[in-house]
Amino acid sequence: MIGPLTDRFDRRRLRIACDLGSVVPVGGLLVAFHTGSVAPALGCLAVLSVFAAVAGPIPEAALPNLVTGRDLPPAQTMLGSLYSAGAGRHGRLRRATRPGPAGISPSVPGLTPS
């Protein structure tokens, strides 16, 4: 549903609009967290999710226009690994700081248990 939207409109302008449009709900989140109100925070998160859903497919859709045909498969692999690398690294950091047997936490310099 969102993919045709990124094909129909200028991707650069759509991405900029999504990024700039996200400023308002982020500000709303700050206000909602400061005041402790849940309903506005949930509304701001919903709006941020819509902007993220629209902006998310833009790099994948623009990639064939940026690289040659022979380089496209490696570029797609690198782009996909870029998105999964953050989750993988976060998972490794969580495992490294998770308490082990008897509640003993490993000593990892520069990391604090989460």
Protein backbone atom coordinates (compact mmCIF):
# COMPACT_ATOMS: atom_id res chain seq x y z
CA MET A 1 0.00 0.00 0.00
CA ILE A 2 2.82 2.41 0.84
CA GLY A 3 5.11 1.21 -1.97
CA PRO A 4 3.03 2.75 -4.77
CA LEU A 5 2.99 6.01 -2.83
CA THR A 6 6.79 6.14 -2.94
CA ASP A 7 6.69 5.38 -6.67
CA ARG A 8 4.07 8.00 -7.46
CA PHE A 9 5.69 10.98 -5.70
CA ASP A 10 9.21 12.36 -5.68
CA ARG A 11 11.06 10.17 -3.18
CA ARG A 12 13.40 12.87 -1.97
CA ARG A 13 10.60 15.31 -1.23
CA LEU A 14 8.49 12.59 0.36
CA ARG A 15 11.38 11.58 2.64
CA ILE A 16 12.07 15.19 3.61
CA ALA A 17 8.37 15.74 4.29
CA CYS A 18 8.24 12.65 6.51
CA ASP A 19 11.37 13.66 8.40
CA LEU A 20 10.18 17.23 8.92
CA GLY A 21 6.66 16.06 9.74
CA SER A 22 8.08 13.82 12.46
CA VAL A 23 9.34 16.86 14.36
CA VAL A 24 5.84 17.79 15.54
CA PRO A 25 4.95 14.39 17.08
CA VAL A 26 8.40 14.16 18.68
CA GLY A 27 7.77 17.52 20.31
CA GLY A 28 4.35 16.25 21.35
CA LEU A 29 5.99 13.20 22.92
CA LEU A 30 8.30 15.42 24.93
CA VAL A 31 5.34 17.43 26.19
CA ALA A 32 3.31 14.29 26.91
CA PHE A 33 6.16 12.72 28.87
CA HIS A 34 6.75 15.93 30.78
CA THR A 35 3.09 16.22 31.75
CA GLY A 36 2.68 12.47 32.31
CA SER A 37 -0.31 12.12 29.98
CA VAL A 38 -0.64 8.80 28.21
CA ALA A 39 -3.26 9.49 25.54
CA PRO A 40 -1.30 12.26 23.75
CA ALA A 41 1.84 10.11 23.91
CA LEU A 42 0.03 7.24 22.21
CA GLY A 43 -1.35 9.59 19.57
CA CYS A 44 2.12 10.97 18.87
CA LEU A 45 3.51 7.45 18.59
CA ALA A 46 0.78 6.57 16.10
CA VAL A 47 1.60 9.60 13.96
CA LEU A 48 5.33 8.78 14.13
CA SER A 49 4.54 5.24 13.03
CA VAL A 50 2.69 6.52 9.97
CA PHE A 51 5.62 8.75 9.00
CA ALA A 52 8.05 5.86 9.52
CA ALA A 53 5.87 3.52 7.44
CA VAL A 54 5.86 6.00 4.56
CA ALA A 55 9.58 6.86 4.79
CA GLY A 56 10.75 3.27 5.39
CA PRO A 57 10.52 1.84 1.85
CA ILE A 58 12.08 4.88 0.19
CA PRO A 59 15.75 3.72 0.41
CA GLU A 60 14.87 0.30 -1.03
CA ALA A 61 12.85 1.89 -3.84
CA ALA A 62 15.58 4.40 -4.69
CA LEU A 63 18.46 1.92 -4.66
CA PRO A 64 18.06 0.67 -8.27
CA ASN A 65 18.35 4.28 -9.44
CA LEU A 66 21.60 4.78 -7.52
CA VAL A 67 23.67 1.71 -8.45
CA THR A 68 24.32 -0.18 -11.68
CA GLY A 69 22.64 -3.50 -12.48
CA ARG A 70 25.70 -5.58 -11.64
CA ASP A 71 26.18 -3.89 -8.27
CA LEU A 72 22.51 -4.02 -7.30
CA PRO A 73 22.47 -7.42 -5.50
CA PRO A 74 25.47 -6.57 -3.25
CA ALA A 75 24.00 -3.11 -2.60
CA GLN A 76 20.67 -4.64 -1.59
CA THR A 77 22.49 -7.06 0.70
CA MET A 78 24.42 -4.23 2.32
CA LEU A 79 21.28 -2.14 2.75
CA GLY A 80 19.44 -5.07 4.32
CA SER A 81 22.34 -5.83 6.65
CA LEU A 82 22.46 -2.18 7.67
CA TYR A 83 18.90 -2.43 9.00
CA SER A 84 19.47 -5.76 10.72
CA ALA A 85 22.91 -4.87 12.13
CA GLY A 86 21.46 -2.52 14.74
CA ALA A 87 19.10 -5.16 16.05
CA GLY A 88 21.85 -7.77 16.04
CA ARG A 89 24.29 -5.54 17.85
CA HIS A 90 21.66 -4.59 20.41
CA GLY A 91 20.96 -8.26 20.97
CA ARG A 92 24.65 -9.01 21.54
CA LEU A 93 24.96 -6.09 23.96
CA ARG A 94 21.94 -7.31 25.90
CA ARG A 95 23.41 -10.82 26.11
CA ALA A 96 26.77 -9.41 27.21
CA THR A 97 25.25 -7.42 30.06
CA ARG A 98 22.55 -9.90 31.11
CA PRO A 99 23.09 -11.41 34.57
CA GLY A 100 24.50 -14.91 34.40
CA PRO A 101 24.10 -17.77 36.86
CA ALA A 102 23.48 -16.70 40.45
CA GLY A 103 22.74 -13.15 39.26
CA ILE A 104 26.39 -12.35 38.56
CA SER A 105 26.80 -9.80 35.77
CA PRO A 106 29.82 -10.01 33.50
CA SER A 107 32.18 -7.05 33.56
CA VAL A 108 32.07 -5.39 30.14
CA PRO A 109 33.96 -2.06 30.05
CA GLY A 110 31.83 0.81 28.85
CA LEU A 111 28.53 -1.07 29.07
CA THR A 112 25.93 -0.84 31.74
CA PRO A 113 23.33 -3.54 32.36
CA SER A 114 19.96 -2.74 30.83
